[in-house]
Amino acid sequence: MKKRKNHSPEFKARVALEAIREEMTLAEVSKKYSVHPTQIGTWKRAAIENMATAFTRRGAAPEQVSSAEVDKLHSKIGQLVVERDFLADASQQLLGTRGKKW
């Protein structure tokens, strides 16, 4: 069985850029880098689709989360804290009564 090749992102970018330039056919690029033409096409498509992210600001604000979602998460945290405290108290009571003789 043949071992899979793991190509670095830099290698993939270089091959995709060469495919985007179209100075050579995919078959020629494939032969040059020993990568299947279908894989080169996939890398090329991914590079084109993700090209806009190269021009985003580094300090850009992340996606905004709705206040309803934040409220829902806060209530879930509160519920989990109550459950944790209840179970901690219950385990302390069980451990405390086990040591006593009836």
N, C-alpha and C. Protein backbone atom coordinates (compact mmCIF):
# COMPACT_ATOMS: atom_id res chain seq x y z
N MET A 1 0.84 -1.18 0.00
CA MET A 1 0.00 0.00 0.00
C MET A 1 0.89 1.24 0.00
N LYS A 2 0.50 2.21 -0.79
CA LYS A 2 1.27 3.44 -0.93
C LYS A 2 0.93 4.40 0.20
N LYS A 3 1.95 5.02 0.78
CA LYS A 3 1.74 5.97 1.86
C LYS A 3 1.25 7.30 1.30
N ARG A 4 0.33 7.94 2.02
CA ARG A 4 -0.20 9.23 1.59
C ARG A 4 0.84 10.31 1.75
N LYS A 5 0.81 11.25 0.83
CA LYS A 5 1.70 12.41 0.92
C LYS A 5 0.98 13.52 1.65
N ASN A 6 1.67 14.15 2.57
CA ASN A 6 1.13 15.32 3.27
C ASN A 6 1.90 16.53 2.78
N HIS A 7 1.21 17.37 2.02
CA HIS A 7 1.85 18.56 1.46
C HIS A 7 1.64 19.75 2.39
N SER A 8 2.64 20.58 2.47
CA SER A 8 2.55 21.76 3.32
C SER A 8 1.63 22.79 2.66
N PRO A 9 1.06 23.68 3.48
CA PRO A 9 0.21 24.73 2.91
C PRO A 9 0.96 25.61 1.90
N GLU A 10 2.25 25.84 2.15
CA GLU A 10 3.05 26.65 1.23
C GLU A 10 3.16 25.97 -0.13
N PHE A 11 3.37 24.64 -0.12
CA PHE A 11 3.47 23.88 -1.36
C PHE A 11 2.14 23.94 -2.11
N LYS A 12 1.04 23.74 -1.38
CA LYS A 12 -0.28 23.78 -2.01
C LYS A 12 -0.55 25.15 -2.63
N ALA A 13 -0.16 26.20 -1.92
CA ALA A 13 -0.37 27.56 -2.43
C ALA A 13 0.45 27.80 -3.69
N ARG A 14 1.69 27.32 -3.68
CA ARG A 14 2.56 27.51 -4.84
C ARG A 14 1.99 26.79 -6.06
N VAL A 15 1.54 25.55 -5.87
CA VAL A 15 0.97 24.78 -6.98
C VAL A 15 -0.34 25.42 -7.45
N ALA A 16 -1.19 25.83 -6.51
CA ALA A 16 -2.46 26.46 -6.88
C ALA A 16 -2.23 27.76 -7.63
N LEU A 17 -1.27 28.56 -7.19
CA LEU A 17 -0.97 29.81 -7.86
C LEU A 17 -0.49 29.57 -9.29
N GLU A 18 0.33 28.55 -9.45
CA GLU A 18 0.80 28.23 -10.80
C GLU A 18 -0.36 27.77 -11.68
N ALA A 19 -1.30 27.04 -11.09
CA ALA A 19 -2.47 26.61 -11.86
C ALA A 19 -3.37 27.79 -12.19
N ILE A 20 -3.49 28.75 -11.28
CA ILE A 20 -4.32 29.93 -11.51
C ILE A 20 -3.73 30.78 -12.63
N ARG A 21 -2.42 30.88 -12.68
CA ARG A 21 -1.76 31.67 -13.73
C ARG A 21 -2.03 31.13 -15.12
N GLU A 22 -2.24 29.82 -15.23
CA GLU A 22 -2.53 29.13 -16.48
C GLU A 22 -1.44 29.31 -17.53
N GLU A 23 -0.19 29.40 -17.08
CA GLU A 23 0.92 29.44 -18.02
C GLU A 23 1.22 28.04 -18.55
N MET A 24 0.81 27.02 -17.77
CA MET A 24 0.94 25.62 -18.18
C MET A 24 -0.41 24.95 -17.96
N THR A 25 -0.62 23.83 -18.62
CA THR A 25 -1.86 23.09 -18.42
C THR A 25 -1.80 22.38 -17.07
N LEU A 26 -2.96 21.93 -16.61
CA LEU A 26 -2.99 21.18 -15.35
C LEU A 26 -2.15 19.92 -15.43
N ALA A 27 -2.14 19.29 -16.60
CA ALA A 27 -1.34 18.08 -16.78
C ALA A 27 0.15 18.39 -16.64
N GLU A 28 0.58 19.52 -17.17
CA GLU A 28 1.99 19.90 -17.05
C GLU A 28 2.35 20.25 -15.61
N VAL A 29 1.48 20.97 -14.93
CA VAL A 29 1.72 21.31 -13.53
C VAL A 29 1.73 20.02 -12.69
N SER A 30 0.83 19.11 -13.03
CA SER A 30 0.76 17.84 -12.33
C SER A 30 2.05 17.05 -12.48
N LYS A 31 2.57 17.02 -13.67
CA LYS A 31 3.82 16.29 -13.92
C LYS A 31 4.98 16.98 -13.22
N LYS A 32 5.00 18.31 -13.23
CA LYS A 32 6.09 19.07 -12.62
C LYS A 32 6.17 18.83 -11.12
N TYR A 33 5.02 18.79 -10.44
CA TYR A 33 5.00 18.67 -8.98
C TYR A 33 4.62 17.28 -8.49
N SER A 34 4.37 16.35 -9.39
CA SER A 34 3.97 14.98 -9.04
C SER A 34 2.73 14.94 -8.16
N VAL A 35 1.72 15.69 -8.59
CA VAL A 35 0.43 15.74 -7.89
C VAL A 35 -0.65 15.50 -8.93
N HIS A 36 -1.68 14.77 -8.54
CA HIS A 36 -2.76 14.45 -9.47
C HIS A 36 -3.49 15.73 -9.91
N PRO A 37 -3.86 15.81 -11.19
CA PRO A 37 -4.54 17.01 -11.69
C PRO A 37 -5.83 17.35 -10.93
N THR A 38 -6.56 16.34 -10.50
CA THR A 38 -7.78 16.59 -9.74
C THR A 38 -7.46 17.30 -8.43
N GLN A 39 -6.37 16.89 -7.78
CA GLN A 39 -5.96 17.52 -6.52
C GLN A 39 -5.55 18.97 -6.77
N ILE A 40 -4.86 19.20 -7.86
CA ILE A 40 -4.46 20.58 -8.20
C ILE A 40 -5.70 21.43 -8.44
N GLY A 41 -6.69 20.88 -9.13
CA GLY A 41 -7.94 21.60 -9.36
C GLY A 41 -8.65 21.94 -8.05
N THR A 42 -8.61 21.02 -7.10
CA THR A 42 -9.22 21.26 -5.79
C THR A 42 -8.49 22.38 -5.07
N TRP A 43 -7.17 22.35 -5.07
CA TRP A 43 -6.37 23.39 -4.41
C TRP A 43 -6.60 24.74 -5.09
N LYS A 44 -6.70 24.73 -6.41
CA LYS A 44 -6.93 25.97 -7.16
C LYS A 44 -8.27 26.58 -6.79
N ARG A 45 -9.30 25.74 -6.74
CA ARG A 45 -10.64 26.20 -6.39
C ARG A 45 -10.67 26.75 -4.96
N ALA A 46 -10.01 26.06 -4.03
CA ALA A 46 -9.96 26.52 -2.64
C ALA A 46 -9.21 27.84 -2.53
N ALA A 47 -8.15 27.99 -3.29
CA ALA A 47 -7.37 29.23 -3.25
C ALA A 47 -8.20 30.41 -3.77
N ILE A 48 -8.94 30.19 -4.83
CA ILE A 48 -9.77 31.26 -5.39
C ILE A 48 -10.90 31.62 -4.43
N GLU A 49 -11.54 30.60 -3.82
CA GLU A 49 -12.65 30.85 -2.90
C GLU A 49 -12.20 31.60 -1.64
N ASN A 50 -10.98 31.31 -1.18
CA ASN A 50 -10.50 31.90 0.07
C ASN A 50 -9.60 33.11 -0.13
N MET A 51 -9.51 33.59 -1.34
CA MET A 51 -8.62 34.71 -1.64
C MET A 51 -9.04 35.99 -0.92
N ALA A 52 -10.32 36.19 -0.70
CA ALA A 52 -10.81 37.42 -0.06
C ALA A 52 -10.32 37.53 1.38
N THR A 53 -10.07 36.42 2.05
CA THR A 53 -9.62 36.48 3.44
C THR A 53 -8.23 37.10 3.55
N ALA A 54 -7.47 37.11 2.49
CA ALA A 54 -6.14 37.72 2.52
C ALA A 54 -6.23 39.23 2.65
N PHE A 55 -7.38 39.79 2.32
CA PHE A 55 -7.54 41.24 2.33
C PHE A 55 -8.38 41.75 3.50
N THR A 56 -8.70 40.88 4.44
CA THR A 56 -9.45 41.33 5.60
C THR A 56 -8.49 41.92 6.62
N ARG A 57 -9.00 42.84 7.42
CA ARG A 57 -8.16 43.46 8.44
C ARG A 57 -7.89 42.44 9.54
N ARG A 58 -6.69 42.48 10.06
CA ARG A 58 -6.30 41.52 11.08
C ARG A 58 -7.06 41.74 12.39
N GLY A 59 -7.37 42.97 12.72
CA GLY A 59 -8.06 43.27 13.97
C GLY A 59 -9.55 43.39 13.79
N ALA A 60 -10.08 42.84 12.72
CA ALA A 60 -11.50 42.98 12.44
C ALA A 60 -12.32 42.32 13.54
N ALA A 61 -13.47 42.91 13.81
CA ALA A 61 -14.35 42.38 14.85
C ALA A 61 -14.90 41.03 14.43
N PRO A 62 -14.95 40.09 15.36
CA PRO A 62 -15.54 38.79 15.01
C PRO A 62 -17.05 38.93 14.80
N GLU A 63 -17.66 37.87 14.33
CA GLU A 63 -19.09 37.91 14.07
C GLU A 63 -19.84 38.26 15.34
N GLN A 64 -20.88 39.07 15.19
CA GLN A 64 -21.68 39.49 16.33
C GLN A 64 -22.60 38.35 16.75
N VAL A 65 -22.70 38.16 18.07
CA VAL A 65 -23.58 37.14 18.61
C VAL A 65 -24.83 37.85 19.11
N SER A 66 -25.97 37.28 18.82
CA SER A 66 -27.23 37.92 19.22
C SER A 66 -27.39 37.90 20.74
N SER A 67 -28.08 38.90 21.26
CA SER A 67 -28.28 38.98 22.71
C SER A 67 -29.15 37.83 23.20
N ALA A 68 -30.04 37.33 22.36
CA ALA A 68 -30.88 36.19 22.74
C ALA A 68 -30.01 34.95 22.96
N GLU A 69 -29.02 34.79 22.09
CA GLU A 69 -28.13 33.63 22.23
C GLU A 69 -27.27 33.76 23.48
N VAL A 70 -26.83 34.97 23.77
CA VAL A 70 -26.03 35.21 24.97
C VAL A 70 -26.88 34.93 26.22
N ASP A 71 -28.13 35.40 26.23
CA ASP A 71 -29.02 35.15 27.36
C ASP A 71 -29.26 33.65 27.56
N LYS A 72 -29.44 32.95 26.46
CA LYS A 72 -29.66 31.50 26.52
C LYS A 72 -28.44 30.81 27.13
N LEU A 73 -27.25 31.21 26.70
CA LEU A 73 -26.03 30.60 27.23
C LEU A 73 -25.83 30.94 28.71
N HIS A 74 -26.16 32.17 29.10
CA HIS A 74 -26.04 32.56 30.50
C HIS A 74 -26.98 31.74 31.38
N SER A 75 -28.20 31.51 30.90
CA SER A 75 -29.14 30.71 31.69
C SER A 75 -28.66 29.27 31.79
N LYS A 76 -28.08 28.75 30.74
CA LYS A 76 -27.54 27.38 30.77
C LYS A 76 -26.38 27.29 31.76
N ILE A 77 -25.52 28.30 31.79
CA ILE A 77 -24.41 28.32 32.75
C ILE A 77 -24.96 28.35 34.16
N GLY A 78 -25.97 29.17 34.40
CA GLY A 78 -26.58 29.23 35.72
C GLY A 78 -27.15 27.90 36.15
N GLN A 79 -27.83 27.23 35.23
CA GLN A 79 -28.40 25.91 35.52
C GLN A 79 -27.30 24.92 35.88
N LEU A 80 -26.21 24.92 35.13
CA LEU A 80 -25.12 23.99 35.39
C LEU A 80 -24.43 24.29 36.72
N VAL A 81 -24.32 25.56 37.08
CA VAL A 81 -23.72 25.92 38.37
C VAL A 81 -24.59 25.41 39.52
N VAL A 82 -25.91 25.58 39.40
CA VAL A 82 -26.83 25.09 40.44
C VAL A 82 -26.72 23.58 40.57
N GLU A 83 -26.69 22.88 39.43
CA GLU A 83 -26.58 21.42 39.47
C GLU A 83 -25.26 20.99 40.10
N ARG A 84 -24.18 21.66 39.75
CA ARG A 84 -22.88 21.33 40.31
C ARG A 84 -22.86 21.52 41.82
N ASP A 85 -23.40 22.66 42.27
CA ASP A 85 -23.43 22.94 43.70
C ASP A 85 -24.29 21.91 44.44
N PHE A 86 -25.43 21.55 43.86
CA PHE A 86 -26.31 20.56 44.47
C PHE A 86 -25.58 19.23 44.60
N LEU A 87 -24.93 18.80 43.54
CA LEU A 87 -24.24 17.51 43.57
C LEU A 87 -23.05 17.54 44.53
N ALA A 88 -22.37 18.68 44.62
CA ALA A 88 -21.25 18.78 45.56
C ALA A 88 -21.76 18.67 46.99
N ASP A 89 -22.88 19.35 47.31
CA ASP A 89 -23.46 19.26 48.65
C ASP A 89 -23.93 17.84 48.95
N ALA A 90 -24.58 17.22 48.00
CA ALA A 90 -25.08 15.86 48.19
C ALA A 90 -23.93 14.88 48.42
N SER A 91 -22.85 15.04 47.68
CA SER A 91 -21.71 14.13 47.86
C SER A 91 -21.06 14.36 49.22
N GLN A 92 -21.03 15.59 49.69
CA GLN A 92 -20.47 15.87 51.01
C GLN A 92 -21.34 15.25 52.10
N GLN A 93 -22.66 15.31 51.93
CA GLN A 93 -23.55 14.70 52.91
C GLN A 93 -23.40 13.19 52.92
N LEU A 94 -23.26 12.60 51.75
CA LEU A 94 -23.08 11.15 51.68
C LEU A 94 -21.76 10.74 52.32
N LEU A 95 -20.72 11.46 52.05
CA LEU A 95 -19.42 11.13 52.63
C LEU A 95 -19.42 11.36 54.13
N GLY A 96 -20.14 12.38 54.57
CA GLY A 96 -20.20 12.68 55.99
C GLY A 96 -20.99 11.64 56.76
N THR A 97 -22.07 11.10 56.19
CA THR A 97 -22.89 10.12 56.91
C THR A 97 -22.32 8.72 56.81
N ARG A 98 -21.50 8.44 55.85
CA ARG A 98 -20.93 7.11 55.71
C ARG A 98 -19.99 6.78 56.86
N GLY A 99 -19.26 7.77 57.30
CA GLY A 99 -18.29 7.53 58.36
C GLY A 99 -18.93 7.27 59.70
N LYS A 100 -20.19 7.68 59.89
CA LYS A 100 -20.88 7.51 61.17
C LYS A 100 -21.49 6.12 61.26
N LYS A 101 -21.51 5.61 62.46
CA LYS A 101 -22.17 4.32 62.68
C LYS A 101 -23.59 4.58 63.16
N TRP A 102 -24.52 3.80 62.74
CA TRP A 102 -25.92 3.96 63.09
C TRP A 102 -26.21 3.37 64.39
